[in-house]
């Protein structure tokens, strides 16, 4: 299994910082998913200052906050990584929508997709970036928060993130009538690639991983 964004960014920092954050959230009786309450903690602000790039983040501060929050939620839920195979990916993207998980699903996990199979143009006019995976967090039974991780590669110091939140999208279709997750890259279909073209597609993809996450958790429990 290749390294996850959690391992690359936080490493030993998680074991050093996250237990204190957990204790402070518990002492304040705060829901871990409440980002405003999360940002009120001095240890969270200190961690943000420590991991931000030397040149600062400017308008990217919201993305950095989202990354830290999702990483904490994943850690707090046992740091489950769902490694999705090529075969599972095709079932998720090309098959019928996965039904809500019948097994108990971890409240938070990281779904890691096969490398360089899903792409997205995050900024109009700029080169598409490959998707490594998504942090997924169940805010409640009807809503998910997901953070897609794009452009993660050895020769790049950072990566891009896109967040999406809400209930499972209903009646999701593409304006041009093409299939969800069909590649929009030149030659992408022939190469077996896929594309995410909207926040709703990103969110739907997170919902589709939940059945697999439930199955993986059941197998891990033996």
N, C-alpha and C. Protein backbone atom coordinates (compact mmCIF):
# COMPACT_ATOMS: atom_id res chain seq x y z
N UNK A 1 0.85 -1.20 0.00
CA UNK A 1 0.00 0.00 0.00
C UNK A 1 0.89 1.25 0.00
N UNK A 2 0.57 2.19 -0.88
CA UNK A 2 1.38 3.41 -0.95
C UNK A 2 1.01 4.34 0.22
N UNK A 3 1.88 5.31 0.46
CA UNK A 3 1.67 6.24 1.58
C UNK A 3 0.40 7.06 1.37
N UNK A 4 -0.25 7.38 2.47
CA UNK A 4 -1.45 8.21 2.42
C UNK A 4 -1.09 9.66 2.73
N UNK A 5 -1.96 10.60 2.38
CA UNK A 5 -1.71 12.00 2.76
C UNK A 5 -1.55 12.18 4.26
N UNK A 6 -2.27 11.39 5.04
CA UNK A 6 -2.14 11.46 6.49
C UNK A 6 -0.70 11.17 6.90
N UNK A 7 -0.14 10.09 6.37
CA UNK A 7 1.23 9.71 6.73
C UNK A 7 2.23 10.75 6.26
N UNK A 8 2.03 11.27 5.08
CA UNK A 8 2.99 12.21 4.50
C UNK A 8 3.00 13.56 5.21
N UNK A 9 1.83 14.03 5.65
CA UNK A 9 1.74 15.36 6.26
C UNK A 9 1.92 15.31 7.77
N UNK A 10 1.29 14.34 8.41
CA UNK A 10 1.25 14.38 9.87
C UNK A 10 2.27 13.46 10.54
N UNK A 11 2.50 12.27 9.98
CA UNK A 11 3.50 11.39 10.54
C UNK A 11 3.36 11.26 12.05
N UNK A 12 4.46 11.50 12.77
CA UNK A 12 4.44 11.38 14.23
C UNK A 12 3.70 12.53 14.90
N UNK A 13 3.41 13.59 14.16
CA UNK A 13 2.68 14.72 14.76
C UNK A 13 1.33 14.29 15.31
N UNK A 14 0.69 13.32 14.64
CA UNK A 14 -0.63 12.89 15.07
C UNK A 14 -0.58 12.34 16.50
N UNK A 15 0.37 11.46 16.77
CA UNK A 15 0.45 10.87 18.10
C UNK A 15 0.86 11.91 19.15
N UNK A 16 1.57 12.95 18.71
CA UNK A 16 1.99 13.99 19.65
C UNK A 16 0.88 14.98 19.95
N UNK A 17 0.09 15.33 18.94
CA UNK A 17 -0.87 16.44 19.09
C UNK A 17 -2.33 16.02 19.23
N UNK A 18 -2.73 14.97 18.52
CA UNK A 18 -4.14 14.64 18.48
C UNK A 18 -4.73 14.17 19.81
N UNK A 19 -3.99 13.41 20.65
CA UNK A 19 -4.58 13.02 21.94
C UNK A 19 -4.98 14.22 22.80
N UNK A 20 -4.18 15.28 22.80
CA UNK A 20 -4.52 16.48 23.57
C UNK A 20 -5.75 17.16 22.98
N UNK A 21 -5.84 17.21 21.66
CA UNK A 21 -7.02 17.79 21.02
C UNK A 21 -8.26 16.99 21.37
N UNK A 22 -8.14 15.67 21.35
CA UNK A 22 -9.28 14.82 21.73
C UNK A 22 -9.72 15.10 23.16
N UNK A 23 -8.76 15.21 24.07
CA UNK A 23 -9.08 15.48 25.47
C UNK A 23 -9.75 16.85 25.62
N UNK A 24 -9.26 17.84 24.90
CA UNK A 24 -9.85 19.18 25.00
C UNK A 24 -11.26 19.22 24.43
N UNK A 25 -11.50 18.50 23.34
CA UNK A 25 -12.85 18.44 22.79
C UNK A 25 -13.80 17.75 23.76
N UNK A 26 -13.32 16.69 24.39
CA UNK A 26 -14.16 15.98 25.35
C UNK A 26 -14.45 16.85 26.57
N UNK A 27 -13.45 17.59 27.04
CA UNK A 27 -13.65 18.46 28.21
C UNK A 27 -14.66 19.56 27.92
N UNK A 28 -14.70 20.02 26.68
CA UNK A 28 -15.64 21.06 26.29
C UNK A 28 -16.97 20.50 25.82
N UNK A 29 -17.10 19.16 25.84
CA UNK A 29 -18.32 18.49 25.37
C UNK A 29 -18.66 18.91 23.95
N UNK A 30 -17.62 19.05 23.10
CA UNK A 30 -17.80 19.49 21.72
C UNK A 30 -17.85 18.29 20.78
N UNK A 31 -18.72 18.37 19.79
CA UNK A 31 -18.79 17.35 18.75
C UNK A 31 -17.54 17.50 17.89
N UNK A 32 -16.75 16.43 17.70
CA UNK A 32 -15.53 16.54 16.87
C UNK A 32 -15.79 17.05 15.47
N UNK A 33 -17.00 16.83 14.94
CA UNK A 33 -17.29 17.28 13.59
C UNK A 33 -17.60 18.77 13.50
N UNK A 34 -17.72 19.43 14.65
CA UNK A 34 -17.99 20.88 14.69
C UNK A 34 -16.69 21.62 14.41
N UNK A 35 -16.51 22.08 13.19
CA UNK A 35 -15.23 22.70 12.81
C UNK A 35 -14.97 23.99 13.56
N UNK A 36 -16.01 24.76 13.83
CA UNK A 36 -15.82 26.01 14.57
C UNK A 36 -15.27 25.74 15.96
N UNK A 37 -15.83 24.75 16.64
CA UNK A 37 -15.33 24.38 17.97
C UNK A 37 -13.92 23.83 17.88
N UNK A 38 -13.64 23.06 16.84
CA UNK A 38 -12.32 22.50 16.62
C UNK A 38 -11.28 23.61 16.50
N UNK A 39 -11.63 24.67 15.77
CA UNK A 39 -10.69 25.77 15.53
C UNK A 39 -10.50 26.66 16.75
N UNK A 40 -11.33 26.51 17.74
CA UNK A 40 -11.18 27.30 18.96
C UNK A 40 -10.07 26.78 19.86
N UNK A 41 -9.59 25.58 19.58
CA UNK A 41 -8.60 24.96 20.47
C UNK A 41 -7.19 25.48 20.16
N UNK A 42 -6.46 25.92 21.16
CA UNK A 42 -5.10 26.43 20.94
C UNK A 42 -4.18 25.42 20.27
N UNK A 43 -4.33 24.13 20.60
CA UNK A 43 -3.45 23.12 20.00
C UNK A 43 -3.72 22.95 18.51
N UNK A 44 -4.95 23.18 18.08
CA UNK A 44 -5.27 23.12 16.66
C UNK A 44 -4.61 24.29 15.93
N UNK A 45 -4.72 25.48 16.51
CA UNK A 45 -4.11 26.65 15.88
C UNK A 45 -2.60 26.51 15.82
N UNK A 46 -2.01 25.94 16.86
CA UNK A 46 -0.56 25.72 16.88
C UNK A 46 -0.15 24.73 15.78
N UNK A 47 -0.94 23.68 15.60
CA UNK A 47 -0.63 22.69 14.57
C UNK A 47 -0.74 23.30 13.18
N UNK A 48 -1.76 24.13 12.97
CA UNK A 48 -1.92 24.80 11.67
C UNK A 48 -0.71 25.67 11.35
N UNK A 49 -0.22 26.40 12.34
CA UNK A 49 0.96 27.23 12.12
C UNK A 49 2.19 26.39 11.80
N UNK A 50 2.27 25.23 12.42
CA UNK A 50 3.46 24.39 12.25
C UNK A 50 3.53 23.75 10.86
N UNK A 51 2.39 23.35 10.31
CA UNK A 51 2.43 22.60 9.05
C UNK A 51 2.21 23.48 7.82
N UNK A 52 1.84 24.75 8.03
CA UNK A 52 1.63 25.60 6.87
C UNK A 52 2.97 25.86 6.17
N UNK A 53 2.96 26.04 4.87
CA UNK A 53 4.21 26.31 4.14
C UNK A 53 4.87 27.60 4.63
N UNK A 54 6.18 27.69 4.47
CA UNK A 54 6.92 28.87 4.91
C UNK A 54 6.42 30.14 4.24
N UNK A 55 5.97 30.01 2.99
CA UNK A 55 5.49 31.19 2.27
C UNK A 55 4.05 31.53 2.60
N UNK A 56 3.44 30.77 3.52
CA UNK A 56 2.05 31.03 3.89
C UNK A 56 1.09 30.34 2.94
N UNK A 57 -0.20 30.46 3.23
CA UNK A 57 -1.20 29.78 2.41
C UNK A 57 -2.22 30.74 1.81
N UNK A 58 -2.26 31.98 2.30
CA UNK A 58 -3.18 32.96 1.73
C UNK A 58 -4.62 32.47 1.75
N UNK A 59 -5.24 32.50 0.56
CA UNK A 59 -6.63 32.07 0.46
C UNK A 59 -6.78 30.56 0.66
N UNK A 60 -5.68 29.84 0.68
CA UNK A 60 -5.74 28.40 0.88
C UNK A 60 -5.88 27.97 2.32
N UNK A 61 -6.06 28.93 3.24
CA UNK A 61 -6.17 28.56 4.66
C UNK A 61 -7.36 27.66 4.91
N UNK A 62 -8.47 27.87 4.19
CA UNK A 62 -9.65 27.02 4.38
C UNK A 62 -9.35 25.58 4.01
N UNK A 63 -8.55 25.39 2.94
CA UNK A 63 -8.19 24.03 2.54
C UNK A 63 -7.27 23.37 3.56
N UNK A 64 -6.36 24.17 4.14
CA UNK A 64 -5.47 23.62 5.17
C UNK A 64 -6.26 23.23 6.41
N UNK A 65 -7.20 24.07 6.80
CA UNK A 65 -8.07 23.77 7.95
C UNK A 65 -8.85 22.48 7.68
N UNK A 66 -9.40 22.36 6.48
CA UNK A 66 -10.17 21.17 6.14
C UNK A 66 -9.31 19.92 6.23
N UNK A 67 -8.07 20.00 5.76
CA UNK A 67 -7.18 18.85 5.81
C UNK A 67 -6.89 18.44 7.25
N UNK A 68 -6.57 19.40 8.11
CA UNK A 68 -6.28 19.08 9.50
C UNK A 68 -7.51 18.49 10.18
N UNK A 69 -8.67 19.07 9.92
CA UNK A 69 -9.89 18.58 10.56
C UNK A 69 -10.21 17.15 10.11
N UNK A 70 -10.16 16.90 8.81
CA UNK A 70 -10.44 15.55 8.31
C UNK A 70 -9.40 14.55 8.81
N UNK A 71 -8.15 14.97 8.86
CA UNK A 71 -7.11 14.07 9.36
C UNK A 71 -7.36 13.72 10.81
N UNK A 72 -7.76 14.71 11.61
CA UNK A 72 -8.07 14.43 13.02
C UNK A 72 -9.24 13.46 13.14
N UNK A 73 -10.30 13.70 12.37
CA UNK A 73 -11.47 12.84 12.44
C UNK A 73 -11.14 11.40 12.05
N UNK A 74 -10.28 11.24 11.04
CA UNK A 74 -9.85 9.90 10.65
C UNK A 74 -9.06 9.24 11.78
N UNK A 75 -8.16 10.00 12.38
CA UNK A 75 -7.37 9.47 13.51
C UNK A 75 -8.27 9.10 14.67
N UNK A 76 -9.22 9.95 14.97
CA UNK A 76 -10.12 9.73 16.11
C UNK A 76 -10.99 8.49 15.91
N UNK A 77 -11.18 8.09 14.66
CA UNK A 77 -12.01 6.92 14.34
C UNK A 77 -11.19 5.66 14.09
N UNK A 78 -9.90 5.71 14.40
CA UNK A 78 -9.08 4.52 14.28
C UNK A 78 -8.19 4.46 13.07
N UNK A 79 -8.17 5.53 12.26
CA UNK A 79 -7.27 5.66 11.11
C UNK A 79 -7.43 4.47 10.15
N UNK A 80 -8.65 4.28 9.70
CA UNK A 80 -8.95 3.21 8.75
C UNK A 80 -8.63 3.69 7.33
N UNK A 81 -7.85 2.91 6.60
CA UNK A 81 -7.57 3.19 5.19
C UNK A 81 -8.20 2.09 4.34
N UNK A 82 -9.05 2.50 3.42
CA UNK A 82 -9.71 1.58 2.51
C UNK A 82 -8.96 1.62 1.18
N UNK A 83 -8.20 0.58 0.91
CA UNK A 83 -7.42 0.49 -0.34
C UNK A 83 -8.30 -0.15 -1.40
N UNK A 84 -8.75 0.64 -2.35
CA UNK A 84 -9.69 0.17 -3.38
C UNK A 84 -8.91 -0.37 -4.57
N UNK A 85 -9.26 -1.58 -4.98
CA UNK A 85 -8.57 -2.23 -6.09
C UNK A 85 -9.12 -1.71 -7.43
N UNK A 86 -8.41 -2.06 -8.50
CA UNK A 86 -8.88 -1.68 -9.84
C UNK A 86 -10.26 -2.26 -10.11
N UNK A 87 -10.47 -3.50 -9.73
CA UNK A 87 -11.76 -4.14 -9.96
C UNK A 87 -12.87 -3.45 -9.16
N UNK A 88 -12.59 -3.14 -7.91
CA UNK A 88 -13.57 -2.46 -7.08
C UNK A 88 -13.87 -1.06 -7.62
N UNK A 89 -12.84 -0.40 -8.15
CA UNK A 89 -13.05 0.93 -8.70
C UNK A 89 -14.04 0.88 -9.87
N UNK A 90 -13.87 -0.08 -10.75
CA UNK A 90 -14.78 -0.18 -11.89
C UNK A 90 -16.20 -0.45 -11.43
N UNK A 91 -16.36 -1.25 -10.39
CA UNK A 91 -17.69 -1.52 -9.86
C UNK A 91 -18.31 -0.25 -9.26
N UNK A 92 -17.48 0.54 -8.58
CA UNK A 92 -17.97 1.78 -7.99
C UNK A 92 -18.39 2.80 -9.04
N UNK A 93 -17.57 2.94 -10.07
CA UNK A 93 -17.78 4.01 -11.04
C UNK A 93 -18.70 3.62 -12.18
N UNK A 94 -18.59 2.38 -12.65
CA UNK A 94 -19.33 1.98 -13.85
C UNK A 94 -20.60 1.21 -13.56
N UNK A 95 -20.68 0.63 -12.38
CA UNK A 95 -21.85 -0.17 -12.05
C UNK A 95 -22.96 0.67 -11.46
N UNK A 96 -24.04 0.03 -11.04
CA UNK A 96 -25.14 0.77 -10.41
C UNK A 96 -24.67 1.34 -9.07
N UNK A 97 -25.32 2.40 -8.59
CA UNK A 97 -24.92 3.00 -7.31
C UNK A 97 -24.94 1.97 -6.18
N UNK A 98 -23.92 2.03 -5.35
CA UNK A 98 -23.84 1.15 -4.19
C UNK A 98 -24.92 1.55 -3.20
N UNK A 99 -25.63 0.57 -2.65
CA UNK A 99 -26.67 0.86 -1.66
C UNK A 99 -26.03 1.23 -0.33
N UNK A 100 -26.75 1.90 0.56
CA UNK A 100 -26.20 2.20 1.89
C UNK A 100 -25.68 0.94 2.56
N UNK A 101 -24.57 1.08 3.25
CA UNK A 101 -23.90 -0.08 3.83
C UNK A 101 -24.79 -0.81 4.82
N UNK A 102 -24.82 -2.13 4.70
CA UNK A 102 -25.57 -2.94 5.66
C UNK A 102 -24.71 -3.26 6.87
N UNK A 103 -23.39 -3.25 6.70
CA UNK A 103 -22.48 -3.50 7.81
C UNK A 103 -22.20 -2.19 8.55
N UNK A 104 -21.66 -2.33 9.73
CA UNK A 104 -21.29 -1.14 10.49
C UNK A 104 -20.10 -0.46 9.82
N UNK A 105 -20.25 0.82 9.51
CA UNK A 105 -19.23 1.55 8.78
C UNK A 105 -18.45 2.44 9.73
N UNK A 106 -17.12 2.48 9.63
CA UNK A 106 -16.36 3.44 10.45
C UNK A 106 -16.87 4.85 10.21
N UNK A 107 -16.94 5.64 11.27
CA UNK A 107 -17.47 6.99 11.09
C UNK A 107 -16.57 7.82 10.18
N UNK A 108 -15.29 7.55 10.19
CA UNK A 108 -14.35 8.26 9.32
C UNK A 108 -13.31 7.28 8.79
N UNK A 109 -12.86 7.52 7.57
CA UNK A 109 -11.84 6.66 6.96
C UNK A 109 -11.24 7.39 5.77
N UNK A 110 -10.17 6.82 5.21
CA UNK A 110 -9.59 7.35 3.99
C UNK A 110 -9.74 6.29 2.91
N UNK A 111 -10.43 6.64 1.83
CA UNK A 111 -10.58 5.75 0.68
C UNK A 111 -9.52 6.10 -0.34
N UNK A 112 -8.61 5.16 -0.59
CA UNK A 112 -7.51 5.40 -1.52
C UNK A 112 -7.76 4.63 -2.82
N UNK A 113 -7.81 5.37 -3.93
CA UNK A 113 -8.13 4.78 -5.22
C UNK A 113 -6.87 4.34 -5.95
N UNK A 114 -7.04 3.46 -6.94
CA UNK A 114 -5.87 3.08 -7.74
C UNK A 114 -5.19 4.32 -8.33
N UNK A 115 -3.89 4.27 -8.41
CA UNK A 115 -3.11 5.45 -8.77
C UNK A 115 -3.37 5.92 -10.20
N UNK A 116 -3.63 7.24 -10.34
CA UNK A 116 -3.74 7.91 -11.62
C UNK A 116 -4.86 7.33 -12.50
N UNK A 117 -5.95 6.92 -11.87
CA UNK A 117 -7.10 6.42 -12.62
C UNK A 117 -8.24 7.43 -12.68
N UNK A 118 -8.34 8.31 -11.68
CA UNK A 118 -9.39 9.32 -11.66
C UNK A 118 -8.72 10.70 -11.73
N UNK A 119 -9.27 11.58 -12.57
CA UNK A 119 -8.68 12.90 -12.79
C UNK A 119 -9.73 13.99 -12.65
N UNK A 120 -9.27 15.19 -12.35
CA UNK A 120 -10.19 16.33 -12.26
C UNK A 120 -9.46 17.61 -12.61
N UNK A 121 -10.16 18.49 -13.31
CA UNK A 121 -9.65 19.84 -13.57
C UNK A 121 -10.14 20.73 -12.44
N UNK A 122 -9.27 21.04 -11.50
CA UNK A 122 -9.66 21.77 -10.30
C UNK A 122 -9.78 23.26 -10.54
N UNK A 123 -8.99 23.79 -11.47
CA UNK A 123 -9.03 25.21 -11.81
C UNK A 123 -9.19 25.32 -13.32
N UNK A 124 -10.19 26.07 -13.76
CA UNK A 124 -10.45 26.20 -15.18
C UNK A 124 -9.19 26.61 -15.94
N UNK A 125 -8.90 25.88 -16.99
CA UNK A 125 -7.77 26.21 -17.84
C UNK A 125 -6.45 25.64 -17.40
N UNK A 126 -6.42 25.02 -16.21
CA UNK A 126 -5.17 24.41 -15.75
C UNK A 126 -5.21 22.90 -15.95
N UNK A 127 -4.04 22.29 -15.95
CA UNK A 127 -3.93 20.86 -16.23
C UNK A 127 -4.70 20.04 -15.19
N UNK A 128 -5.39 19.00 -15.61
CA UNK A 128 -6.08 18.11 -14.66
C UNK A 128 -5.08 17.46 -13.72
N UNK A 129 -5.58 17.09 -12.54
CA UNK A 129 -4.74 16.44 -11.54
C UNK A 129 -5.31 15.08 -11.19
N UNK A 130 -4.43 14.10 -10.92
CA UNK A 130 -4.92 12.77 -10.54
C UNK A 130 -5.40 12.75 -9.10
N UNK A 131 -6.41 11.94 -8.84
CA UNK A 131 -6.99 11.83 -7.51
C UNK A 131 -6.35 10.66 -6.77
N UNK A 132 -5.81 10.93 -5.59
CA UNK A 132 -5.26 9.86 -4.76
C UNK A 132 -6.37 9.16 -4.00
N UNK A 133 -7.29 9.94 -3.42
CA UNK A 133 -8.36 9.36 -2.62
C UNK A 133 -9.19 10.44 -1.96
N UNK A 134 -9.99 10.01 -0.97
CA UNK A 134 -10.86 10.94 -0.26
C UNK A 134 -10.93 10.58 1.22
N UNK A 135 -10.81 11.59 2.07
CA UNK A 135 -11.22 11.43 3.46
C UNK A 135 -12.75 11.47 3.47
N UNK A 136 -13.36 10.59 4.25
CA UNK A 136 -14.82 10.52 4.33
C UNK A 136 -15.22 10.52 5.81
N UNK A 137 -16.19 11.35 6.15
CA UNK A 137 -16.64 11.44 7.53
C UNK A 137 -18.17 11.53 7.55
N UNK A 138 -18.80 10.67 8.34
CA UNK A 138 -20.26 10.68 8.48
C UNK A 138 -20.64 11.68 9.57
N UNK A 139 -21.17 12.82 9.16
CA UNK A 139 -21.60 13.83 10.13
C UNK A 139 -22.79 13.32 10.91
N UNK A 140 -23.71 12.67 10.21
CA UNK A 140 -24.83 11.98 10.84
C UNK A 140 -25.27 10.91 9.86
N UNK A 141 -26.40 10.31 10.09
CA UNK A 141 -26.83 9.22 9.23
C UNK A 141 -27.19 9.63 7.82
N UNK A 142 -27.41 10.91 7.60
CA UNK A 142 -27.89 11.37 6.30
C UNK A 142 -26.93 12.29 5.56
N UNK A 143 -25.81 12.64 6.17
CA UNK A 143 -24.89 13.59 5.55
C UNK A 143 -23.45 13.12 5.70
N UNK A 144 -22.68 13.36 4.67
CA UNK A 144 -21.25 13.06 4.69
C UNK A 144 -20.47 14.33 4.41
N UNK A 145 -19.25 14.35 4.94
CA UNK A 145 -18.27 15.36 4.56
C UNK A 145 -17.10 14.60 3.94
N UNK A 146 -16.66 15.04 2.77
CA UNK A 146 -15.55 14.35 2.12
C UNK A 146 -14.53 15.37 1.61
N UNK A 147 -13.27 14.98 1.66
CA UNK A 147 -12.17 15.83 1.20
C UNK A 147 -11.35 15.06 0.19
N UNK A 148 -11.50 15.43 -1.09
CA UNK A 148 -10.74 14.77 -2.14
C UNK A 148 -9.31 15.27 -2.18
N UNK A 149 -8.38 14.35 -2.38
CA UNK A 149 -6.95 14.67 -2.43
C UNK A 149 -6.46 14.46 -3.86
N UNK A 150 -5.90 15.53 -4.45
CA UNK A 150 -5.50 15.49 -5.85
C UNK A 150 -4.03 15.94 -6.01
N UNK A 151 -3.38 15.41 -7.03
CA UNK A 151 -2.04 15.87 -7.36
C UNK A 151 -0.97 15.44 -6.39
N UNK A 152 -1.17 14.34 -5.70
CA UNK A 152 -0.18 13.84 -4.75
C UNK A 152 0.85 13.02 -5.53
N UNK A 153 2.09 13.50 -5.54
CA UNK A 153 3.14 12.79 -6.27
C UNK A 153 4.50 13.09 -5.63
N UNK A 154 5.48 12.21 -5.83
CA UNK A 154 6.78 12.35 -5.14
C UNK A 154 7.51 13.64 -5.45
N UNK A 155 7.33 14.20 -6.66
CA UNK A 155 8.10 15.37 -7.05
C UNK A 155 7.40 16.68 -6.69
N UNK A 156 6.33 16.61 -5.94
CA UNK A 156 5.59 17.81 -5.56
C UNK A 156 5.54 17.93 -4.05
N UNK A 157 5.80 19.10 -3.53
CA UNK A 157 5.85 19.29 -2.07
C UNK A 157 4.48 19.18 -1.43
N UNK A 158 3.44 19.59 -2.13
CA UNK A 158 2.11 19.56 -1.56
C UNK A 158 1.12 18.84 -2.45
N UNK A 159 -0.16 19.12 -2.26
CA UNK A 159 -1.20 18.55 -3.09
C UNK A 159 -2.43 19.45 -2.98
N UNK A 160 -3.42 19.17 -3.80
CA UNK A 160 -4.64 19.97 -3.82
C UNK A 160 -5.76 19.23 -3.11
N UNK A 161 -6.68 19.97 -2.51
CA UNK A 161 -7.82 19.36 -1.84
C UNK A 161 -9.10 20.04 -2.28
N UNK A 162 -10.17 19.26 -2.32
CA UNK A 162 -11.50 19.78 -2.63
C UNK A 162 -12.48 19.15 -1.64
N UNK A 163 -13.29 19.97 -1.01
CA UNK A 163 -14.23 19.48 0.00
C UNK A 163 -15.65 19.54 -0.53
N UNK A 164 -16.44 18.54 -0.14
CA UNK A 164 -17.85 18.52 -0.49
C UNK A 164 -18.63 17.95 0.69
N UNK A 165 -19.85 18.45 0.89
CA UNK A 165 -20.62 18.07 2.07
C UNK A 165 -22.10 17.97 1.71
N UNK A 166 -22.78 17.00 2.33
CA UNK A 166 -24.23 16.96 2.17
C UNK A 166 -24.78 15.55 2.14
N UNK A 167 -26.09 15.47 1.91
CA UNK A 167 -26.74 14.19 1.74
C UNK A 167 -26.39 13.59 0.39
N UNK A 168 -26.82 12.36 0.19
CA UNK A 168 -26.49 11.71 -1.08
C UNK A 168 -27.20 12.43 -2.22
N UNK A 169 -26.47 12.85 -3.25
CA UNK A 169 -27.10 13.56 -4.36
C UNK A 169 -28.18 12.72 -5.03
N UNK A 170 -29.29 13.34 -5.33
CA UNK A 170 -30.40 12.65 -5.99
C UNK A 170 -30.50 13.09 -7.45
N UNK A 171 -30.78 12.12 -8.31
CA UNK A 171 -30.95 12.42 -9.72
C UNK A 171 -29.72 13.03 -10.36
N UNK A 172 -28.56 12.57 -9.95
CA UNK A 172 -27.32 13.16 -10.45
C UNK A 172 -27.07 12.74 -11.89
N UNK A 173 -26.99 13.71 -12.78
CA UNK A 173 -26.70 13.45 -14.19
C UNK A 173 -25.75 14.53 -14.69
N UNK A 174 -25.05 14.23 -15.75
CA UNK A 174 -24.18 15.22 -16.37
C UNK A 174 -24.96 16.02 -17.41
N UNK A 175 -24.64 17.30 -17.54
CA UNK A 175 -25.36 18.15 -18.51
C UNK A 175 -25.31 17.61 -19.94
N UNK A 176 -24.20 16.96 -20.32
CA UNK A 176 -24.08 16.47 -21.69
C UNK A 176 -24.63 15.06 -21.87
N UNK A 177 -25.16 14.48 -20.79
CA UNK A 177 -25.74 13.15 -20.89
C UNK A 177 -24.76 12.01 -20.79
N UNK A 178 -23.48 12.31 -20.64
CA UNK A 178 -22.48 11.24 -20.52
C UNK A 178 -22.61 10.57 -19.16
N UNK A 179 -22.04 9.39 -19.03
CA UNK A 179 -22.10 8.64 -17.78
C UNK A 179 -21.32 9.34 -16.69
N UNK A 180 -21.81 9.22 -15.46
CA UNK A 180 -21.05 9.73 -14.32
C UNK A 180 -19.66 9.11 -14.32
N UNK A 181 -18.66 9.91 -14.08
CA UNK A 181 -17.26 9.50 -13.95
C UNK A 181 -16.62 9.08 -15.27
N UNK A 182 -17.34 9.25 -16.39
CA UNK A 182 -16.70 9.01 -17.69
C UNK A 182 -15.59 10.03 -17.88
N UNK A 183 -14.48 9.61 -18.46
CA UNK A 183 -13.35 10.51 -18.64
C UNK A 183 -13.68 11.63 -19.62
N UNK A 184 -13.23 12.84 -19.28
CA UNK A 184 -13.35 13.98 -20.19
C UNK A 184 -11.98 14.35 -20.76
N UNK A 185 -10.96 13.54 -20.48
CA UNK A 185 -9.63 13.77 -21.02
C UNK A 185 -9.54 13.22 -22.43
N UNK A 186 -8.75 13.86 -23.25
CA UNK A 186 -8.53 13.35 -24.59
C UNK A 186 -7.86 11.98 -24.52
N UNK A 187 -8.51 10.99 -25.10
CA UNK A 187 -7.98 9.63 -25.06
C UNK A 187 -8.19 8.94 -23.74
N UNK A 188 -8.88 9.58 -22.80
CA UNK A 188 -9.04 9.02 -21.46
C UNK A 188 -9.88 7.76 -21.42
N UNK A 189 -10.94 7.72 -22.19
CA UNK A 189 -11.79 6.53 -22.21
C UNK A 189 -11.00 5.32 -22.69
N UNK A 190 -10.27 5.51 -23.77
CA UNK A 190 -9.47 4.41 -24.32
C UNK A 190 -8.40 3.95 -23.34
N UNK A 191 -7.91 4.87 -22.52
CA UNK A 191 -6.86 4.53 -21.56
C UNK A 191 -7.41 3.98 -20.25
N UNK A 192 -8.75 3.87 -20.15
CA UNK A 192 -9.35 3.33 -18.93
C UNK A 192 -9.36 4.32 -17.78
N UNK A 193 -9.35 5.61 -18.09
CA UNK A 193 -9.35 6.63 -17.05
C UNK A 193 -10.77 7.12 -16.78
N UNK A 194 -10.91 7.85 -15.67
CA UNK A 194 -12.20 8.40 -15.27
C UNK A 194 -12.00 9.85 -14.83
N UNK A 195 -13.11 10.60 -14.79
CA UNK A 195 -13.07 12.00 -14.37
C UNK A 195 -14.14 12.30 -13.34
N UNK A 196 -13.80 13.18 -12.43
CA UNK A 196 -14.77 13.81 -11.52
C UNK A 196 -14.91 15.25 -11.99
N UNK A 197 -16.14 15.68 -12.30
CA UNK A 197 -16.30 17.01 -12.89
C UNK A 197 -17.08 17.97 -12.01
N UNK A 198 -17.51 17.52 -10.82
CA UNK A 198 -18.28 18.43 -9.96
C UNK A 198 -18.17 18.00 -8.51
N UNK A 199 -18.54 18.93 -7.60
CA UNK A 199 -18.55 18.62 -6.18
C UNK A 199 -19.56 17.53 -5.87
N UNK A 200 -20.67 17.50 -6.61
CA UNK A 200 -21.67 16.45 -6.38
C UNK A 200 -21.15 15.08 -6.78
N UNK A 201 -20.37 15.01 -7.85
CA UNK A 201 -19.77 13.72 -8.22
C UNK A 201 -18.77 13.27 -7.16
N UNK A 202 -18.02 14.22 -6.62
CA UNK A 202 -17.08 13.88 -5.54
C UNK A 202 -17.83 13.34 -4.34
N UNK A 203 -18.94 13.98 -3.99
CA UNK A 203 -19.74 13.55 -2.84
C UNK A 203 -20.37 12.19 -3.09
N UNK A 204 -20.92 12.00 -4.27
CA UNK A 204 -21.52 10.70 -4.61
C UNK A 204 -20.49 9.58 -4.54
N UNK A 205 -19.28 9.88 -4.98
CA UNK A 205 -18.21 8.88 -4.92
C UNK A 205 -17.94 8.47 -3.48
N UNK A 206 -17.95 9.43 -2.58
CA UNK A 206 -17.76 9.12 -1.15
C UNK A 206 -18.87 8.21 -0.64
N UNK A 207 -20.11 8.52 -1.02
CA UNK A 207 -21.23 7.66 -0.60
C UNK A 207 -21.05 6.24 -1.13
N UNK A 208 -20.55 6.10 -2.33
CA UNK A 208 -20.41 4.77 -2.91
C UNK A 208 -19.34 3.93 -2.22
N UNK A 209 -18.40 4.57 -1.54
CA UNK A 209 -17.34 3.81 -0.86
C UNK A 209 -17.80 3.22 0.47
N UNK A 210 -18.95 3.62 0.96
CA UNK A 210 -19.33 3.23 2.32
C UNK A 210 -19.62 1.73 2.46
N UNK A 211 -20.19 1.12 1.44
CA UNK A 211 -20.42 -0.32 1.50
C UNK A 211 -19.09 -1.06 1.62
N UNK A 212 -18.10 -0.65 0.83
CA UNK A 212 -16.78 -1.28 0.90
C UNK A 212 -16.15 -1.05 2.27
N UNK A 213 -16.30 0.15 2.81
CA UNK A 213 -15.73 0.44 4.13
C UNK A 213 -16.38 -0.43 5.21
N UNK A 214 -17.67 -0.64 5.10
CA UNK A 214 -18.35 -1.52 6.06
C UNK A 214 -17.87 -2.94 5.96
N UNK A 215 -17.70 -3.43 4.73
CA UNK A 215 -17.19 -4.79 4.54
C UNK A 215 -15.78 -4.94 5.08
N UNK A 216 -14.93 -3.92 4.82
CA UNK A 216 -13.54 -3.98 5.30
C UNK A 216 -13.50 -3.99 6.82
N UNK A 217 -14.34 -3.17 7.46
CA UNK A 217 -14.37 -3.13 8.92
C UNK A 217 -14.82 -4.47 9.50
N UNK A 218 -15.80 -5.11 8.85
CA UNK A 218 -16.27 -6.41 9.32
C UNK A 218 -15.17 -7.45 9.22
N UNK A 219 -14.44 -7.46 8.10
CA UNK A 219 -13.35 -8.41 7.92
C UNK A 219 -12.23 -8.17 8.93
N UNK A 220 -11.96 -6.90 9.25
CA UNK A 220 -10.90 -6.57 10.21
C UNK A 220 -11.24 -7.06 11.61
N UNK A 221 -12.54 -7.08 11.92
CA UNK A 221 -12.95 -7.56 13.24
C UNK A 221 -12.93 -9.08 13.31
N UNK A 222 -12.74 -9.73 12.18
CA UNK A 222 -12.65 -11.18 12.17
C UNK A 222 -13.99 -11.86 12.12
